[in-house]
Amino acid sequence: MLVAFFNIVKVESVPLNLNFSEPSSRGAFGLDFGVYRPDIRTYDRYMGDLASIGYNGQPVRDPFRSVRPPIPVLIDLTVLFPREPHRSGRYHPHGLQMHKVVTGTLSCWGICEQGDWWGLVTYEIAYGSRRKAVTHWVPAWTLRRKPG
C-alpha cells in the first residue's frame, strides 16, 4: 500500500502600508520589531499536517541478527583503537598489545539508529605473556572473515 503525504502551502504577499512621514517613538522608520501588530501582515500561510521525521510507526525488524554458529573474524586493533599522533608514552613490557590484528569470534550483528552495522565480537587482548578475553560491539567495517 502506497501512502503519500502532501503539504498545501498558500503564500499571499501583503504590502506593509508604512507611513514614513510621521515621526515615531518606536525607533527608526517607525518600526518596532519586538511588538506584535495584527494590522501589519507580511503573509498568510495555510499548511496541512506534516509527517514526522524519522520513525513513523511502521513495523521494523529486530535490530539483532544472531550468528549461529559464531564465525571466526579478524579484528584490526590499530583501526579500532587509533593512536594519538606524536604521543610521548614509553614502552612497558607488560602493557596492552593494541597494535596488531587479532582473531575473534562474531556471535551477533546489530544495526544502530543511523543504519550502520556493528558486530558483537569476543577476542583476546595480550598484555605481557598473559591474555584476557573481551566482548564488545565493533563497527562492521573493522571486521574481516578469517580465511580458511
N, C-alpha and C. Protein backbone atom coordinates (compact mmCIF):
# COMPACT_ATOMS: atom_id res chain seq x y z
N MET A 1 0.85 -1.17 0.00
CA MET A 1 0.00 0.00 0.00
C MET A 1 0.90 1.24 0.00
N LEU A 2 0.63 2.14 -0.89
CA LEU A 2 1.42 3.35 -1.02
C LEU A 2 0.63 4.51 -0.43
N VAL A 3 1.24 5.22 0.49
CA VAL A 3 0.60 6.36 1.13
C VAL A 3 1.43 7.59 0.83
N ALA A 4 0.81 8.64 0.33
CA ALA A 4 1.53 9.87 0.02
C ALA A 4 1.00 11.00 0.88
N PHE A 5 1.90 11.83 1.35
CA PHE A 5 1.52 12.99 2.14
C PHE A 5 1.84 14.24 1.33
N PHE A 6 0.89 15.15 1.25
CA PHE A 6 1.09 16.40 0.54
C PHE A 6 0.85 17.55 1.49
N ASN A 7 1.68 18.53 1.42
CA ASN A 7 1.52 19.74 2.21
C ASN A 7 1.05 20.85 1.28
N ILE A 8 -0.04 21.47 1.64
CA ILE A 8 -0.57 22.56 0.83
C ILE A 8 -0.15 23.87 1.47
N VAL A 9 0.54 24.69 0.71
CA VAL A 9 1.04 25.95 1.22
C VAL A 9 0.49 27.08 0.38
N LYS A 10 -0.13 28.04 1.03
CA LYS A 10 -0.63 29.22 0.34
C LYS A 10 0.12 30.42 0.91
N VAL A 11 0.82 31.14 0.07
CA VAL A 11 1.56 32.31 0.50
C VAL A 11 0.99 33.50 -0.25
N GLU A 12 0.61 34.50 0.49
CA GLU A 12 0.00 35.69 -0.09
C GLU A 12 0.78 36.90 0.38
N SER A 13 1.26 37.70 -0.54
CA SER A 13 2.05 38.87 -0.19
C SER A 13 1.13 40.05 0.06
N VAL A 14 1.36 40.80 1.13
CA VAL A 14 0.55 41.95 1.51
C VAL A 14 1.49 43.12 1.77
N PRO A 15 1.24 44.29 1.18
CA PRO A 15 2.10 45.44 1.45
C PRO A 15 2.02 45.86 2.91
N LEU A 16 3.09 46.44 3.42
CA LEU A 16 3.16 46.80 4.83
C LEU A 16 2.43 48.11 5.16
N ASN A 17 2.18 48.98 4.21
CA ASN A 17 1.49 50.26 4.44
C ASN A 17 2.13 51.07 5.57
N LEU A 18 3.40 51.34 5.44
CA LEU A 18 4.11 52.11 6.45
C LEU A 18 4.05 53.59 6.12
N ASN A 19 3.89 54.42 7.12
CA ASN A 19 3.87 55.86 6.94
C ASN A 19 5.19 56.42 7.44
N PHE A 20 6.09 56.80 6.50
CA PHE A 20 7.41 57.27 6.87
C PHE A 20 7.44 58.77 7.13
N SER A 21 6.35 59.47 6.87
CA SER A 21 6.36 60.93 7.03
C SER A 21 6.16 61.37 8.47
N GLU A 22 5.53 60.54 9.31
CA GLU A 22 5.29 60.90 10.71
C GLU A 22 6.44 60.44 11.59
N PRO A 23 6.95 61.30 12.46
CA PRO A 23 7.97 60.84 13.41
C PRO A 23 7.34 59.89 14.42
N SER A 24 8.09 58.93 14.88
CA SER A 24 7.56 57.93 15.79
C SER A 24 8.55 57.71 16.91
N SER A 25 8.04 57.30 18.06
CA SER A 25 8.90 56.99 19.20
C SER A 25 9.30 55.52 19.18
N ARG A 26 8.91 54.81 18.13
CA ARG A 26 9.18 53.37 18.08
C ARG A 26 10.52 53.03 17.44
N GLY A 27 11.34 53.94 17.11
CA GLY A 27 12.62 53.62 16.50
C GLY A 27 12.69 54.11 15.07
N ALA A 28 13.71 53.69 14.38
CA ALA A 28 13.94 54.14 13.01
C ALA A 28 12.79 53.73 12.11
N PHE A 29 12.31 54.62 11.29
CA PHE A 29 11.24 54.42 10.32
C PHE A 29 9.92 54.02 10.96
N GLY A 30 9.76 54.20 12.27
CA GLY A 30 8.50 53.90 12.93
C GLY A 30 8.23 52.42 13.13
N LEU A 31 9.26 51.59 13.02
CA LEU A 31 9.07 50.14 13.17
C LEU A 31 9.48 49.70 14.55
N ASP A 32 8.70 48.84 15.14
CA ASP A 32 9.04 48.23 16.42
C ASP A 32 8.97 46.73 16.21
N PHE A 33 10.12 46.08 16.04
CA PHE A 33 10.15 44.67 15.70
C PHE A 33 9.90 43.77 16.90
N GLY A 34 9.88 44.29 18.11
CA GLY A 34 9.68 43.46 19.27
C GLY A 34 8.22 43.33 19.67
N VAL A 35 7.30 44.01 18.98
CA VAL A 35 5.88 44.02 19.37
C VAL A 35 5.06 43.46 18.22
N TYR A 36 4.15 42.56 18.53
CA TYR A 36 3.25 42.01 17.52
C TYR A 36 2.18 43.03 17.18
N ARG A 37 2.02 43.30 15.89
CA ARG A 37 1.00 44.23 15.45
C ARG A 37 0.11 43.53 14.45
N PRO A 38 -1.15 43.22 14.81
CA PRO A 38 -2.02 42.47 13.91
C PRO A 38 -2.41 43.25 12.65
N ASP A 39 -2.22 44.59 12.65
CA ASP A 39 -2.59 45.37 11.47
C ASP A 39 -1.54 45.31 10.37
N ILE A 40 -0.33 44.77 10.68
CA ILE A 40 0.72 44.63 9.68
C ILE A 40 0.94 43.14 9.44
N ARG A 41 0.60 42.70 8.24
CA ARG A 41 0.80 41.30 7.89
C ARG A 41 1.79 41.21 6.74
N THR A 42 2.67 40.26 6.80
CA THR A 42 3.59 40.06 5.69
C THR A 42 3.15 38.90 4.81
N TYR A 43 2.47 37.91 5.35
CA TYR A 43 1.97 36.81 4.55
C TYR A 43 0.96 36.02 5.36
N ASP A 44 0.17 35.24 4.66
CA ASP A 44 -0.72 34.25 5.28
C ASP A 44 -0.26 32.89 4.79
N ARG A 45 -0.33 31.91 5.66
CA ARG A 45 0.14 30.58 5.28
C ARG A 45 -0.81 29.54 5.83
N TYR A 46 -1.24 28.61 4.98
CA TYR A 46 -2.09 27.51 5.38
C TYR A 46 -1.37 26.21 5.07
N MET A 47 -1.19 25.37 6.07
CA MET A 47 -0.48 24.11 5.86
C MET A 47 -1.26 22.97 6.47
N GLY A 48 -1.16 21.81 5.83
CA GLY A 48 -1.74 20.60 6.39
C GLY A 48 -0.81 20.01 7.44
N ASP A 49 -1.18 18.86 7.99
CA ASP A 49 -0.33 18.20 8.97
C ASP A 49 0.93 17.69 8.29
N LEU A 50 2.07 17.90 8.95
CA LEU A 50 3.35 17.46 8.42
C LEU A 50 3.67 16.06 8.93
N ALA A 51 4.31 15.27 8.10
CA ALA A 51 4.77 13.95 8.51
C ALA A 51 5.99 14.13 9.40
N SER A 52 6.12 13.33 10.43
CA SER A 52 7.27 13.44 11.31
C SER A 52 8.52 12.92 10.61
N ILE A 53 9.67 13.41 11.07
CA ILE A 53 10.94 12.96 10.52
C ILE A 53 11.36 11.71 11.28
N GLY A 54 11.83 10.70 10.56
CA GLY A 54 12.33 9.50 11.22
C GLY A 54 11.28 8.40 11.30
N TYR A 55 11.25 7.73 12.42
CA TYR A 55 10.40 6.57 12.62
C TYR A 55 8.94 6.98 12.59
N ASN A 56 8.15 6.38 11.69
CA ASN A 56 6.74 6.74 11.51
C ASN A 56 5.79 5.69 12.03
N GLY A 57 6.24 4.83 12.93
CA GLY A 57 5.37 3.82 13.50
C GLY A 57 5.20 2.59 12.63
N GLN A 58 5.97 2.49 11.54
CA GLN A 58 5.88 1.33 10.67
C GLN A 58 6.55 0.14 11.36
N PRO A 59 6.11 -1.07 11.04
CA PRO A 59 6.77 -2.24 11.65
C PRO A 59 8.22 -2.34 11.17
N VAL A 60 9.12 -2.64 12.09
CA VAL A 60 10.53 -2.77 11.77
C VAL A 60 11.02 -4.13 12.25
N ARG A 61 12.08 -4.59 11.61
CA ARG A 61 12.67 -5.87 12.01
C ARG A 61 13.48 -5.70 13.28
N ASP A 62 13.73 -6.81 13.96
CA ASP A 62 14.57 -6.81 15.15
C ASP A 62 15.96 -6.30 14.78
N PRO A 63 16.58 -5.43 15.58
CA PRO A 63 17.89 -4.89 15.21
C PRO A 63 19.04 -5.87 15.37
N PHE A 64 18.80 -7.03 15.95
CA PHE A 64 19.87 -8.01 16.18
C PHE A 64 19.70 -9.23 15.30
N ARG A 65 20.83 -9.75 14.77
CA ARG A 65 20.85 -10.97 13.97
C ARG A 65 21.89 -11.91 14.58
N SER A 66 21.44 -13.02 15.12
CA SER A 66 22.38 -13.98 15.71
C SER A 66 23.20 -14.65 14.62
N VAL A 67 24.43 -14.96 14.95
CA VAL A 67 25.31 -15.70 14.05
C VAL A 67 25.52 -17.07 14.68
N ARG A 68 24.87 -18.08 14.11
CA ARG A 68 24.95 -19.45 14.65
C ARG A 68 25.46 -20.39 13.59
N PRO A 69 26.54 -21.05 13.79
CA PRO A 69 27.49 -20.93 14.89
C PRO A 69 28.32 -19.66 14.73
N PRO A 70 28.93 -19.17 15.80
CA PRO A 70 29.79 -17.99 15.69
C PRO A 70 30.92 -18.23 14.69
N ILE A 71 31.27 -17.21 13.93
CA ILE A 71 32.29 -17.38 12.90
C ILE A 71 33.58 -16.66 13.30
N PRO A 72 34.73 -17.21 12.90
CA PRO A 72 36.00 -16.55 13.21
C PRO A 72 36.20 -15.32 12.32
N VAL A 73 36.65 -14.23 12.93
CA VAL A 73 36.91 -12.99 12.21
C VAL A 73 38.26 -12.43 12.62
N LEU A 74 38.78 -11.54 11.78
CA LEU A 74 39.99 -10.81 12.09
C LEU A 74 39.61 -9.39 12.48
N ILE A 75 40.18 -8.89 13.56
CA ILE A 75 39.89 -7.55 14.06
C ILE A 75 41.19 -6.77 14.08
N ASP A 76 41.24 -5.67 13.37
CA ASP A 76 42.43 -4.82 13.34
C ASP A 76 42.33 -3.83 14.49
N LEU A 77 43.07 -4.09 15.55
CA LEU A 77 43.01 -3.24 16.74
C LEU A 77 43.59 -1.85 16.49
N THR A 78 44.50 -1.73 15.54
CA THR A 78 45.06 -0.42 15.22
C THR A 78 43.99 0.49 14.62
N VAL A 79 43.10 -0.07 13.83
CA VAL A 79 42.00 0.70 13.24
C VAL A 79 40.91 0.94 14.30
N LEU A 80 40.64 -0.07 15.09
CA LEU A 80 39.59 0.03 16.11
C LEU A 80 39.94 1.02 17.21
N PHE A 81 41.21 1.03 17.61
CA PHE A 81 41.69 1.93 18.67
C PHE A 81 42.85 2.76 18.13
N PRO A 82 42.57 3.88 17.44
CA PRO A 82 43.66 4.67 16.86
C PRO A 82 44.54 5.31 17.92
N ARG A 83 45.79 5.54 17.58
CA ARG A 83 46.75 6.14 18.49
C ARG A 83 46.73 7.65 18.39
N GLU A 84 47.10 8.30 19.46
CA GLU A 84 47.28 9.74 19.46
C GLU A 84 48.54 10.08 18.67
N PRO A 85 48.46 11.03 17.73
CA PRO A 85 49.68 11.38 17.00
C PRO A 85 50.69 12.07 17.92
N HIS A 86 51.95 11.87 17.63
CA HIS A 86 53.05 12.49 18.39
C HIS A 86 52.96 12.15 19.88
N ARG A 87 52.62 10.91 20.15
CA ARG A 87 52.47 10.50 21.55
C ARG A 87 53.82 10.49 22.25
N SER A 88 53.79 10.59 23.55
CA SER A 88 55.03 10.64 24.33
C SER A 88 55.13 9.48 25.32
N GLY A 89 54.37 8.42 25.10
CA GLY A 89 54.39 7.28 26.02
C GLY A 89 55.68 6.48 25.90
N ARG A 90 55.90 5.66 26.90
CA ARG A 90 57.09 4.82 26.91
C ARG A 90 56.69 3.36 26.80
N TYR A 91 57.61 2.54 26.38
CA TYR A 91 57.39 1.10 26.27
C TYR A 91 57.24 0.48 27.65
N HIS A 92 56.23 -0.39 27.77
CA HIS A 92 56.03 -1.15 29.01
C HIS A 92 55.92 -2.62 28.63
N PRO A 93 56.80 -3.48 29.15
CA PRO A 93 56.82 -4.87 28.71
C PRO A 93 55.55 -5.65 29.04
N HIS A 94 54.77 -5.19 30.02
CA HIS A 94 53.53 -5.90 30.39
C HIS A 94 52.29 -5.10 30.00
N GLY A 95 52.44 -4.15 29.07
CA GLY A 95 51.32 -3.31 28.65
C GLY A 95 50.41 -4.02 27.66
N LEU A 96 49.24 -3.44 27.45
CA LEU A 96 48.28 -3.98 26.49
C LEU A 96 48.86 -3.92 25.08
N GLN A 97 48.69 -5.01 24.34
CA GLN A 97 49.20 -5.06 22.96
C GLN A 97 48.04 -4.73 22.01
N MET A 98 47.89 -3.44 21.73
CA MET A 98 46.75 -2.93 20.96
C MET A 98 47.14 -2.53 19.54
N HIS A 99 48.25 -3.03 19.05
CA HIS A 99 48.79 -2.59 17.76
C HIS A 99 48.82 -3.70 16.72
N LYS A 100 47.95 -4.67 16.80
CA LYS A 100 48.01 -5.79 15.88
C LYS A 100 46.62 -6.27 15.48
N VAL A 101 46.61 -7.21 14.56
CA VAL A 101 45.37 -7.84 14.12
C VAL A 101 45.20 -9.12 14.94
N VAL A 102 44.02 -9.29 15.56
CA VAL A 102 43.76 -10.46 16.40
C VAL A 102 42.59 -11.26 15.83
N THR A 103 42.52 -12.51 16.23
CA THR A 103 41.41 -13.38 15.82
C THR A 103 40.35 -13.36 16.91
N GLY A 104 39.10 -13.25 16.50
CA GLY A 104 37.98 -13.27 17.43
C GLY A 104 36.83 -14.05 16.86
N THR A 105 35.72 -14.11 17.59
CA THR A 105 34.52 -14.79 17.10
C THR A 105 33.36 -13.80 17.07
N LEU A 106 32.66 -13.80 15.96
CA LEU A 106 31.49 -12.95 15.76
C LEU A 106 30.26 -13.75 16.14
N SER A 107 29.48 -13.26 17.12
CA SER A 107 28.30 -14.00 17.58
C SER A 107 26.98 -13.31 17.25
N CYS A 108 27.03 -12.03 16.87
CA CYS A 108 25.78 -11.31 16.61
C CYS A 108 26.06 -10.07 15.77
N TRP A 109 25.11 -9.72 14.91
CA TRP A 109 25.11 -8.45 14.20
C TRP A 109 24.05 -7.57 14.82
N GLY A 110 24.30 -6.27 14.85
CA GLY A 110 23.32 -5.31 15.33
C GLY A 110 23.36 -4.07 14.46
N ILE A 111 22.20 -3.48 14.24
CA ILE A 111 22.13 -2.26 13.45
C ILE A 111 21.83 -1.10 14.40
N CYS A 112 22.54 0.00 14.23
CA CYS A 112 22.34 1.15 15.12
C CYS A 112 21.25 2.06 14.56
N GLU A 113 20.89 3.10 15.29
CA GLU A 113 19.82 4.01 14.88
C GLU A 113 20.11 4.68 13.54
N GLN A 114 21.37 4.92 13.23
CA GLN A 114 21.73 5.59 11.99
C GLN A 114 21.85 4.63 10.81
N GLY A 115 21.66 3.32 11.05
CA GLY A 115 21.68 2.34 9.96
C GLY A 115 23.00 1.64 9.75
N ASP A 116 24.00 1.89 10.58
CA ASP A 116 25.29 1.22 10.44
C ASP A 116 25.26 -0.11 11.18
N TRP A 117 25.97 -1.10 10.62
CA TRP A 117 26.03 -2.43 11.24
C TRP A 117 27.22 -2.53 12.17
N TRP A 118 27.02 -3.21 13.29
CA TRP A 118 28.04 -3.45 14.30
C TRP A 118 28.05 -4.95 14.60
N GLY A 119 29.24 -5.48 14.91
CA GLY A 119 29.37 -6.89 15.24
C GLY A 119 29.73 -7.07 16.70
N LEU A 120 29.08 -8.05 17.34
CA LEU A 120 29.42 -8.40 18.72
C LEU A 120 30.50 -9.47 18.65
N VAL A 121 31.71 -9.10 19.06
CA VAL A 121 32.86 -10.00 18.93
C VAL A 121 33.50 -10.25 20.29
N THR A 122 34.09 -11.42 20.38
CA THR A 122 34.88 -11.78 21.56
C THR A 122 36.29 -12.10 21.06
N TYR A 123 37.29 -11.48 21.66
CA TYR A 123 38.67 -11.71 21.28
C TYR A 123 39.55 -11.50 22.50
N GLU A 124 40.80 -11.92 22.38
CA GLU A 124 41.73 -11.80 23.50
C GLU A 124 42.71 -10.66 23.28
N ILE A 125 42.92 -9.90 24.34
CA ILE A 125 43.93 -8.85 24.35
C ILE A 125 45.13 -9.39 25.14
N ALA A 126 46.29 -9.33 24.52
CA ALA A 126 47.51 -9.79 25.19
C ALA A 126 48.12 -8.63 25.97
N TYR A 127 48.64 -8.96 27.12
CA TYR A 127 49.42 -8.00 27.91
C TYR A 127 50.55 -8.78 28.55
N GLY A 128 51.76 -8.44 28.11
CA GLY A 128 52.92 -9.24 28.53
C GLY A 128 52.78 -10.64 27.96
N SER A 129 52.92 -11.64 28.82
CA SER A 129 52.76 -13.03 28.38
C SER A 129 51.36 -13.57 28.70
N ARG A 130 50.48 -12.71 29.18
CA ARG A 130 49.13 -13.14 29.57
C ARG A 130 48.10 -12.63 28.56
N ARG A 131 46.87 -13.14 28.67
CA ARG A 131 45.77 -12.74 27.79
C ARG A 131 44.49 -12.60 28.59
N LYS A 132 43.63 -11.70 28.11
CA LYS A 132 42.33 -11.51 28.74
C LYS A 132 41.29 -11.37 27.63
N ALA A 133 40.18 -12.10 27.75
CA ALA A 133 39.12 -12.06 26.74
C ALA A 133 38.21 -10.85 26.99
N VAL A 134 37.85 -10.18 25.90
CA VAL A 134 36.91 -9.06 25.96
C VAL A 134 35.80 -9.31 24.94
N THR A 135 34.60 -8.83 25.24
CA THR A 135 33.47 -8.92 24.33
C THR A 135 32.84 -7.54 24.24
N HIS A 136 32.71 -7.03 23.02
CA HIS A 136 32.04 -5.74 22.84
C HIS A 136 31.64 -5.55 21.38
N TRP A 137 30.89 -4.48 21.13
CA TRP A 137 30.42 -4.15 19.78
C TRP A 137 31.51 -3.38 19.06
N VAL A 138 31.78 -3.77 17.80
CA VAL A 138 32.74 -3.05 16.97
C VAL A 138 32.08 -2.76 15.63
N PRO A 139 32.47 -1.66 14.96
CA PRO A 139 31.90 -1.35 13.65
C PRO A 139 32.19 -2.47 12.65
N ALA A 140 31.23 -2.76 11.79
CA ALA A 140 31.36 -3.85 10.83
C ALA A 140 32.55 -3.66 9.90
N TRP A 141 32.88 -2.41 9.57
CA TRP A 141 33.97 -2.18 8.62
C TRP A 141 35.33 -2.51 9.20
N THR A 142 35.44 -2.76 10.51
CA THR A 142 36.72 -3.16 11.10
C THR A 142 36.89 -4.68 11.13
N LEU A 143 35.89 -5.42 10.70
CA LEU A 143 35.92 -6.88 10.76
C LEU A 143 36.18 -7.47 9.38
N ARG A 144 36.94 -8.58 9.35
CA ARG A 144 37.16 -9.36 8.13
C ARG A 144 36.99 -10.83 8.49
N ARG A 145 36.36 -11.59 7.60
CA ARG A 145 36.23 -13.03 7.83
C ARG A 145 37.62 -13.66 7.76
N LYS A 146 37.90 -14.53 8.73
CA LYS A 146 39.20 -15.20 8.77
C LYS A 146 39.26 -16.24 7.66
N PRO A 147 40.27 -16.17 6.81
CA PRO A 147 40.35 -17.16 5.73
C PRO A 147 40.63 -18.56 6.28
N GLY A 148 40.10 -19.52 5.57
CA GLY A 148 40.39 -20.90 5.96
C GLY A 148 39.36 -21.50 6.73
